[in-house]
Amino acid sequence: MKVLIADKFESCGPDALAAAGCEVVCQPDLKDDALVEAIRETKCTILIVRSTRVTAPMFEASPHLAVVIRAGAGYDTIDVAAASRDSVLVANCPGKNSVAVAELTFGLILALDRRIAECTQDLQQGKWNKKLYSEARGLKGRTLGIVGVGQIGRAVIHRAHGFEMPVVAWSRSLTDEMAEELKIKRMDSPVAVAAACDILSVHVASTPETKQIINKNVLDALRPGSYFINTARGDVVDYEALATVVKEKNIRVGLDVFPDEPKTATGDFLAGIMKNGSIIYGTHHIGASTEQAQQAIAMETVRIVKTYMQTRHVLNCVNICAKSPASYLLLVRHRNRPGVLAHTLNAISHAGVNIEEMENVICEGAEAACASIQLDGPLSDEVLAEIEASDENILGISLSQLDT
């Protein structure tokens, strides 16, 4: 199986893929038209990317491309809708960078509280100002608010307990039982979290539902002098509203992500909010960029590839239909012989019924099997009789309506 790696990738990854029997092509600087051409020329089955954008022309470039793997948690750099139209499955590596992002989150919190950047800059310029920089507030007993309690959010919560910080949180999936288990207080909305905390940290994935989930209403609810941290994605926060509330309420801000970040690893970039003149710290979207995290992501990527090679099942697939449109289930018990299912599928096709999902399970000994065929409509008694009589190797059939 041919694998194209079109991004920087830990060396343990390509080595493990080659050891698994893959033909690996590493071209880490591919972008745009060059990537389209590489997909076409290599005839790769699997494409692995990290920050490289994967667009519609890339899915259309080759009929051989079957899987795209984002070597990271988010997948907003991949046109998932285009992938689905071209029957390309998209996978990611959730949770493998949780610790790294949580560590950076607390790095930003501590840096804001102790104003580490300004301290260092003044010392480098020969200035001593212990009076100013002795005014840190400290973290113990201060309330940390979290929006998004996935694996990264939970890693942040775990570290907050180490700092003896009470935690309030909101997430669509967070229940009272889960909150009790995590030893946090569940709030009813992001606004409620912002109003109750001293430090607000965002840990939601970038989806259409979370676009600017941290909006003006949330930011206006922050207490004067609060801290705000975003290590998630730039589009989950209204940065214009953030710039306003920073000035109005003297909010300190730590950001690892920005709207309209450069597509390349290096280049000129000046985020508007960094010109705000307030205490705003920024890093270069490096939340997941530790050796530990990248090695874990590489090994998860290898696991996805190896599983696909062995089973054609894609782990962590993000574009499988959540609910099948099938309304009927046809079970076909049959001898494990060539051509048996061909008669069945032909009869279904002629009846004008579409097959939504299908699985053929082989019984021990490989003498017989059972095919589960999910359909978007019923089959008439005549069609069922035709299927049953079409081949002597069919042992029995049944049709039932699915619960919808």
Protein backbone atom coordinates (compact mmCIF):
# COMPACT_ATOMS: atom_id res chain seq x y z
CA MET A 1 0.00 0.00 0.00
CA LYS A 2 1.41 3.40 -0.98
CA VAL A 3 1.44 6.18 1.63
CA LEU A 4 2.25 9.81 0.80
CA ILE A 5 3.45 11.94 3.73
CA ALA A 6 3.00 15.57 2.69
CA ASP A 7 4.12 17.26 5.89
CA LYS A 8 6.74 17.13 8.61
CA PHE A 9 6.36 13.86 10.47
CA GLU A 10 8.29 12.20 13.29
CA SER A 11 10.91 9.82 11.87
CA CYS A 12 9.52 6.92 13.90
CA GLY A 13 6.35 7.15 11.78
CA PRO A 14 7.77 6.48 8.31
CA ASP A 15 10.05 3.78 9.72
CA ALA A 16 7.11 1.98 11.34
CA LEU A 17 5.02 2.28 8.17
CA ALA A 18 7.83 0.81 6.06
CA ALA A 19 8.24 -2.02 8.56
CA ALA A 20 4.50 -2.71 8.21
CA GLY A 21 4.93 -3.21 4.46
CA CYS A 22 3.92 0.22 3.16
CA GLU A 23 5.63 1.96 0.29
CA VAL A 24 6.28 5.34 1.87
CA VAL A 25 6.85 8.57 -0.06
CA CYS A 26 7.94 11.52 2.10
CA GLN A 27 7.59 14.96 0.52
CA PRO A 28 7.05 17.24 3.53
CA ASP A 29 6.94 20.55 1.66
CA LEU A 30 4.08 19.77 -0.72
CA LYS A 31 1.33 22.38 -0.98
CA ASP A 32 -1.52 23.34 -3.29
CA ASP A 33 -0.95 22.37 -6.97
CA ALA A 34 2.24 20.48 -6.13
CA LEU A 35 0.32 18.26 -3.74
CA VAL A 36 -2.40 17.66 -6.32
CA GLU A 37 0.24 16.52 -8.79
CA ALA A 38 1.99 14.32 -6.21
CA ILE A 39 -1.27 12.55 -5.36
CA ARG A 40 -1.83 11.94 -9.06
CA GLU A 41 1.70 10.74 -9.78
CA THR A 42 2.25 8.55 -6.71
CA LYS A 43 -1.22 6.94 -6.92
CA CYS A 44 -1.16 6.86 -3.13
CA THR A 45 -3.92 5.11 -1.21
CA ILE A 46 -3.28 7.06 2.00
CA LEU A 47 -2.30 10.70 2.43
CA ILE A 48 -0.86 11.89 5.75
CA VAL A 49 -0.78 15.60 6.59
CA ARG A 50 -0.24 17.75 9.64
CA SER A 51 -0.82 21.45 8.91
CA THR A 52 -1.05 21.20 5.11
CA ARG A 53 -4.47 22.10 3.74
CA VAL A 54 -6.26 19.35 1.82
CA THR A 55 -8.74 20.77 -0.69
CA ALA A 56 -11.29 19.47 -3.18
CA PRO A 57 -8.86 19.24 -6.17
CA MET A 58 -6.68 16.88 -4.13
CA PHE A 59 -9.51 14.40 -3.61
CA GLU A 60 -10.29 14.58 -7.31
CA ALA A 61 -6.65 14.09 -8.35
CA SER A 62 -6.59 10.29 -8.18
CA PRO A 63 -9.10 7.43 -7.92
CA HIS A 64 -6.56 5.59 -5.77
CA LEU A 65 -6.77 7.98 -2.82
CA ALA A 66 -8.97 6.35 -0.17
CA VAL A 67 -7.91 7.77 3.21
CA VAL A 68 -6.56 11.10 4.47
CA ILE A 69 -5.10 11.12 7.98
CA ARG A 70 -4.57 14.35 9.91
CA ALA A 71 -1.61 13.75 12.20
CA GLY A 72 -3.21 15.79 14.95
CA ALA A 73 -6.51 16.32 16.73
CA GLY A 74 -8.24 19.04 14.71
CA TYR A 75 -9.14 18.56 11.06
CA ASP A 76 -10.36 22.01 10.04
CA THR A 77 -7.53 22.18 7.46
CA ILE A 78 -9.23 19.36 5.51
CA ASP A 79 -12.26 19.92 3.27
CA VAL A 80 -14.24 17.08 4.83
CA ALA A 81 -17.34 17.79 2.72
CA ALA A 82 -15.30 17.44 -0.47
CA ALA A 83 -13.74 14.23 0.85
CA SER A 84 -17.19 12.78 1.52
CA ARG A 85 -18.38 13.67 -1.99
CA ASP A 86 -15.44 11.76 -3.45
CA SER A 87 -15.75 8.79 -1.04
CA VAL A 88 -12.48 9.52 0.72
CA LEU A 89 -12.45 8.76 4.45
CA VAL A 90 -10.83 11.29 6.81
CA ALA A 91 -9.27 10.31 10.15
CA ASN A 92 -7.54 12.21 12.93
CA CYS A 93 -5.54 11.45 16.08
CA PRO A 94 -7.63 12.78 18.96
CA GLY A 95 -6.25 13.02 22.45
CA LYS A 96 -2.62 12.35 21.62
CA ASN A 97 -1.66 16.00 22.09
CA SER A 98 -3.80 16.57 25.20
CA VAL A 99 -0.94 16.79 27.68
CA ALA A 100 1.11 19.05 25.42
CA VAL A 101 -1.73 21.55 24.97
CA ALA A 102 -2.58 21.44 28.68
CA GLU A 103 1.05 22.17 29.53
CA LEU A 104 1.12 25.18 27.21
CA THR A 105 -2.19 26.38 28.65
CA PHE A 106 -0.69 26.52 32.11
CA GLY A 107 2.52 27.97 30.73
CA LEU A 108 0.50 30.91 29.38
CA ILE A 109 -1.47 31.26 32.61
CA LEU A 110 1.69 31.37 34.72
CA ALA A 111 3.41 33.71 32.28
CA LEU A 112 0.47 36.13 32.41
CA ASP A 113 0.28 36.05 36.19
CA ARG A 114 4.02 36.61 36.67
CA ARG A 115 4.46 38.71 33.50
CA ILE A 116 7.44 36.57 32.59
CA ALA A 117 7.86 37.99 29.07
CA GLU A 118 8.13 41.60 30.26
CA CYS A 119 10.42 40.60 33.13
CA THR A 120 12.80 38.93 30.72
CA GLN A 121 12.67 41.76 28.21
CA ASP A 122 13.44 44.37 30.86
CA LEU A 123 16.36 42.35 32.20
CA GLN A 124 17.75 41.98 28.70
CA GLN A 125 17.55 45.75 28.34
CA GLY A 126 19.30 46.32 31.66
CA LYS A 127 16.19 47.37 33.61
CA TRP A 128 15.40 46.26 37.19
CA ASN A 129 11.80 46.73 38.33
CA LYS A 130 11.09 44.36 41.20
CA LYS A 131 8.41 46.74 42.48
CA LEU A 132 6.24 46.34 39.37
CA TYR A 133 6.75 42.62 38.87
CA SER A 134 6.13 41.69 42.50
CA GLU A 135 2.40 42.29 42.02
CA ALA A 136 1.43 38.81 40.78
CA ARG A 137 -1.91 37.55 42.03
CA GLY A 138 -1.09 33.84 42.35
CA LEU A 139 -3.18 30.88 41.18
CA LYS A 140 -4.12 29.01 44.36
CA GLY A 141 -7.81 29.46 45.11
CA ARG A 142 -8.53 31.30 41.86
CA THR A 143 -11.35 29.82 39.79
CA LEU A 144 -10.47 28.35 36.41
CA GLY A 145 -13.29 28.30 33.86
CA ILE A 146 -13.16 25.81 31.01
CA VAL A 147 -15.28 25.73 27.86
CA GLY A 148 -14.91 22.29 26.28
CA VAL A 149 -14.32 19.21 28.43
CA GLY A 150 -12.82 16.81 25.94
CA GLN A 151 -9.48 15.12 26.47
CA ILE A 152 -7.55 18.40 26.45
CA GLY A 153 -10.01 20.08 28.77
CA ARG A 154 -9.74 17.15 31.17
CA ALA A 155 -5.95 17.32 31.09
CA VAL A 156 -6.18 21.02 32.02
CA ILE A 157 -8.61 20.19 34.85
CA HIS A 158 -6.19 17.59 36.22
CA ARG A 159 -3.40 20.17 36.34
CA ALA A 160 -5.67 22.81 37.84
CA HIS A 161 -6.28 20.50 40.80
CA GLY A 162 -2.51 20.38 41.28
CA PHE A 163 -2.51 24.17 41.57
CA GLU A 164 -5.39 23.97 44.09
CA MET A 165 -7.73 25.84 41.77
CA PRO A 166 -11.50 25.30 41.81
CA VAL A 167 -12.86 24.61 38.31
CA VAL A 168 -16.16 25.53 36.66
CA ALA A 169 -16.88 24.19 33.19
CA TRP A 170 -19.34 23.85 30.36
CA SER A 171 -19.45 21.35 27.53
CA ARG A 172 -22.32 19.96 25.49
CA SER A 173 -21.53 16.47 26.74
CA LEU A 174 -20.83 17.38 30.37
CA THR A 175 -23.33 15.93 32.85
CA ASP A 176 -23.65 16.44 36.59
CA GLU A 177 -22.35 12.90 37.13
CA MET A 178 -19.28 13.56 34.97
CA ALA A 179 -18.68 16.87 36.73
CA GLU A 180 -18.80 15.17 40.12
CA GLU A 181 -16.33 12.56 38.93
CA LEU A 182 -13.98 15.29 37.66
CA LYS A 183 -14.45 17.28 40.90
CA ILE A 184 -15.63 20.38 39.06
CA LYS A 185 -18.83 22.45 38.93
CA ARG A 186 -20.94 22.19 35.78
CA MET A 187 -22.34 25.45 34.41
CA ASP A 188 -25.28 25.87 32.04
CA SER A 189 -23.51 27.93 29.35
CA PRO A 190 -20.20 29.50 28.33
CA VAL A 191 -21.56 32.82 29.59
CA ALA A 192 -22.15 31.32 33.04
CA VAL A 193 -18.59 29.94 33.05
CA ALA A 194 -17.13 33.35 32.14
CA ALA A 195 -19.13 35.08 34.86
CA ALA A 196 -17.97 32.64 37.55
CA CYS A 197 -14.25 32.38 36.81
CA ASP A 198 -11.02 34.33 37.22
CA ILE A 199 -9.36 32.63 34.25
CA LEU A 200 -11.26 31.43 31.17
CA SER A 201 -9.63 28.77 28.96
CA VAL A 202 -11.10 27.44 25.71
CA HIS A 203 -10.76 23.80 24.61
CA VAL A 204 -13.39 23.10 21.95
CA ALA A 205 -12.79 21.65 18.50
CA SER A 206 -13.33 23.82 15.44
CA THR A 207 -16.70 22.91 13.92
CA PRO A 208 -19.57 24.90 12.38
CA GLU A 209 -21.32 24.64 15.76
CA THR A 210 -18.39 26.14 17.70
CA LYS A 211 -17.58 29.02 15.35
CA GLN A 212 -17.16 32.08 17.62
CA ILE A 213 -18.73 30.18 20.51
CA ILE A 214 -16.73 32.62 22.64
CA ASN A 215 -18.67 35.67 21.48
CA LYS A 216 -19.27 39.18 22.80
CA ASN A 217 -21.80 37.95 25.37
CA VAL A 218 -19.30 35.48 26.83
CA LEU A 219 -16.45 37.97 26.88
CA ASP A 220 -18.60 40.72 28.39
CA ALA A 221 -19.37 38.36 31.28
CA LEU A 222 -15.69 38.20 32.31
CA ARG A 223 -14.77 39.98 35.52
CA PRO A 224 -12.44 42.99 35.29
CA GLY A 225 -8.82 41.83 35.50
CA SER A 226 -9.60 38.27 34.38
CA TYR A 227 -7.28 36.17 32.25
CA PHE A 228 -8.34 34.63 28.93
CA ILE A 229 -6.56 31.70 27.24
CA ASN A 230 -7.18 30.23 23.78
CA THR A 231 -5.14 27.20 22.74
CA ALA A 232 -7.99 25.70 20.67
CA ARG A 233 -8.61 27.34 17.28
CA GLY A 234 -8.78 30.93 16.10
CA ASP A 235 -12.30 30.70 14.72
CA VAL A 236 -13.91 29.66 18.02
CA VAL A 237 -13.38 33.17 19.45
CA ASP A 238 -14.63 36.55 18.28
CA TYR A 239 -11.26 38.31 18.28
CA GLU A 240 -12.74 41.75 17.59
CA ALA A 241 -14.93 41.44 20.66
CA LEU A 242 -11.91 40.17 22.61
CA ALA A 243 -9.86 43.22 21.61
CA THR A 244 -12.63 45.48 22.91
CA VAL A 245 -13.12 43.75 26.25
CA VAL A 246 -9.34 43.64 26.83
CA LYS A 247 -9.27 47.41 26.89
CA GLU A 248 -12.53 47.91 28.76
CA LYS A 249 -11.85 45.41 31.56
CA ASN A 250 -8.04 45.18 31.64
CA ILE A 251 -8.14 41.51 30.64
CA ARG A 252 -4.83 39.66 30.28
CA VAL A 253 -4.73 37.31 27.30
CA GLY A 254 -2.67 34.28 26.28
CA LEU A 255 -3.14 33.03 22.71
CA ASP A 256 -1.65 30.13 20.77
CA VAL A 257 -4.05 30.42 17.82
CA PHE A 258 -5.25 33.22 15.59
CA PRO A 259 -7.66 33.85 12.71
CA ASP A 260 -5.99 33.73 9.28
CA GLU A 261 -2.75 32.14 10.47
CA PRO A 262 -0.05 31.68 7.79
CA LYS A 263 -0.29 28.41 5.87
CA THR A 264 3.48 28.01 6.03
CA ALA A 265 5.73 27.23 8.99
CA THR A 266 7.60 30.53 8.67
CA GLY A 267 6.76 33.95 7.31
CA ASP A 268 5.53 37.42 8.21
CA PHE A 269 2.41 37.60 10.37
CA LEU A 270 1.03 40.29 12.65
CA ALA A 271 -2.25 39.43 14.34
CA GLY A 272 -4.39 42.49 14.86
CA ILE A 273 -5.00 41.77 18.51
CA MET A 274 -1.26 41.74 19.23
CA LYS A 275 -1.24 45.47 18.46
CA ASN A 276 -3.78 46.08 21.20
CA GLY A 277 -1.22 47.46 23.65
CA SER A 278 -2.44 45.41 26.60
CA ILE A 279 -0.86 42.43 28.35
CA ILE A 280 -1.29 39.91 25.55
CA TYR A 281 1.04 36.96 25.13
CA GLY A 282 1.16 34.88 21.99
CA THR A 283 2.74 31.67 20.78
CA HIS A 284 2.93 30.31 17.25
CA HIS A 285 0.23 27.59 17.28
CA ILE A 286 2.63 25.24 19.03
CA GLY A 287 0.25 23.65 21.53
CA ALA A 288 0.81 20.13 20.24
CA SER A 289 4.44 20.67 19.33
CA THR A 290 6.36 18.64 21.88
CA GLU A 291 8.44 15.58 21.07
CA GLN A 292 6.22 13.46 23.31
CA ALA A 293 3.04 14.57 21.59
CA GLN A 294 4.41 14.22 18.07
CA GLN A 295 5.71 10.72 18.73
CA ALA A 296 2.34 9.69 20.17
CA ILE A 297 0.56 11.17 17.15
CA ALA A 298 2.94 9.40 14.77
CA MET A 299 2.28 6.04 16.43
CA GLU A 300 -1.48 6.63 16.34
CA THR A 301 -1.22 7.46 12.63
CA VAL A 302 0.67 4.21 12.08
CA ARG A 303 -2.04 2.33 14.00
CA ILE A 304 -4.71 3.81 11.73
CA VAL A 305 -2.78 2.80 8.62
CA LYS A 306 -2.07 -0.75 9.83
CA THR A 307 -5.69 -1.29 10.83
CA TYR A 308 -6.83 -0.11 7.41
CA MET A 309 -4.37 -2.46 5.71
CA GLN A 310 -5.66 -5.41 7.70
CA THR A 311 -9.40 -4.70 7.87
CA ARG A 312 -10.18 -1.75 5.57
CA HIS A 313 -11.69 -0.13 8.66
CA VAL A 314 -10.64 3.48 9.34
CA LEU A 315 -10.10 4.27 13.01
CA ASN A 316 -11.13 7.74 14.24
CA CYS A 317 -13.02 8.40 11.00
CA VAL A 318 -14.70 11.81 11.11
CA ASN A 319 -16.89 11.62 8.00
CA ILE A 320 -18.87 8.42 8.43
CA CYS A 321 -22.61 9.09 8.27
CA ALA A 322 -23.79 9.40 11.88
CA LYS A 323 -27.15 7.77 11.11
CA SER A 324 -27.72 5.51 8.13
CA PRO A 325 -30.69 6.40 5.90
CA ALA A 326 -31.50 2.67 5.69
CA SER A 327 -35.00 1.65 6.73
CA TYR A 328 -34.98 -2.12 6.01
CA LEU A 329 -32.56 -4.97 6.73
CA LEU A 330 -32.22 -7.96 4.42
CA LEU A 331 -30.44 -10.99 5.90
CA VAL A 332 -29.13 -13.54 3.39
CA ARG A 333 -27.78 -16.83 4.78
CA HIS A 334 -25.75 -18.54 2.08
CA ARG A 335 -23.06 -21.02 1.20
CA ASN A 336 -19.70 -19.32 0.80
CA ARG A 337 -19.55 -19.72 -2.97
CA PRO A 338 -18.65 -17.37 -5.85
CA GLY A 339 -21.50 -15.38 -7.37
CA VAL A 340 -24.12 -15.98 -4.67
CA LEU A 341 -24.41 -12.36 -3.61
CA ALA A 342 -24.17 -11.14 -7.20
CA HIS A 343 -27.66 -12.54 -7.88
CA THR A 344 -28.98 -10.88 -4.73
CA LEU A 345 -27.50 -7.47 -5.48
CA ASN A 346 -28.70 -7.63 -9.08
CA ALA A 347 -32.29 -8.31 -7.98
CA ILE A 348 -32.17 -5.42 -5.48
CA SER A 349 -30.85 -3.08 -8.16
CA HIS A 350 -33.58 -4.05 -10.63
CA ALA A 351 -36.17 -3.38 -7.91
CA GLY A 352 -34.96 0.23 -7.70
CA VAL A 353 -33.90 -0.07 -4.07
CA ASN A 354 -30.57 1.35 -2.89
CA ILE A 355 -28.10 -0.49 -0.65
CA GLU A 356 -26.98 1.82 2.15
CA GLU A 357 -24.70 -0.53 4.10
CA MET A 358 -23.59 -4.12 3.72
CA GLU A 359 -21.58 -6.67 5.71
CA ASN A 360 -20.86 -10.30 4.91
CA VAL A 361 -19.81 -12.36 7.95
CA ILE A 362 -18.07 -15.68 7.26
CA CYS A 363 -18.90 -18.52 9.63
CA GLU A 364 -16.21 -20.71 11.14
CA GLY A 365 -14.90 -23.19 8.61
CA ALA A 366 -15.62 -20.75 5.76
CA GLU A 367 -18.36 -22.98 4.38
CA ALA A 368 -21.21 -20.55 4.98
CA ALA A 369 -21.84 -16.86 5.59
CA CYS A 370 -24.52 -14.34 6.44
CA ALA A 371 -24.91 -11.08 4.55
CA SER A 372 -26.57 -8.12 6.29
CA ILE A 373 -27.81 -5.71 3.65
CA GLN A 374 -29.35 -2.42 4.77
CA LEU A 375 -31.77 -0.93 2.24
CA ASP A 376 -33.44 2.44 1.79
CA GLY A 377 -36.80 0.79 1.08
CA PRO A 378 -38.72 -2.51 1.15
CA LEU A 379 -38.58 -5.37 -1.33
CA SER A 380 -41.74 -6.99 -2.64
CA ASP A 381 -42.59 -10.62 -1.97
CA GLU A 382 -41.91 -11.32 -5.64
CA VAL A 383 -38.38 -9.89 -5.43
CA LEU A 384 -37.70 -11.83 -2.23
CA ALA A 385 -38.88 -15.03 -3.89
CA GLU A 386 -36.68 -14.29 -6.91
CA ILE A 387 -33.64 -13.83 -4.69
CA GLU A 388 -34.27 -17.03 -2.76
CA ALA A 389 -34.75 -19.06 -5.94
CA SER A 390 -31.90 -17.48 -7.87
CA ASP A 391 -29.15 -19.70 -6.47
CA GLU A 392 -29.18 -23.08 -4.77
CA ASN A 393 -26.47 -21.84 -2.41
CA ILE A 394 -28.85 -19.39 -0.73
CA LEU A 395 -29.98 -21.05 2.52
CA GLY A 396 -32.58 -18.52 3.62
CA ILE A 397 -33.55 -14.85 3.56
CA SER A 398 -35.52 -12.49 5.77
CA LEU A 399 -36.54 -8.85 5.51
CA SER A 400 -37.31 -6.66 8.51
CA GLN A 401 -38.00 -2.98 9.06
CA LEU A 402 -35.42 -1.04 11.03
CA ASP A 403 -36.26 1.28 13.90
CA THR A 404 -35.83 4.86 12.70
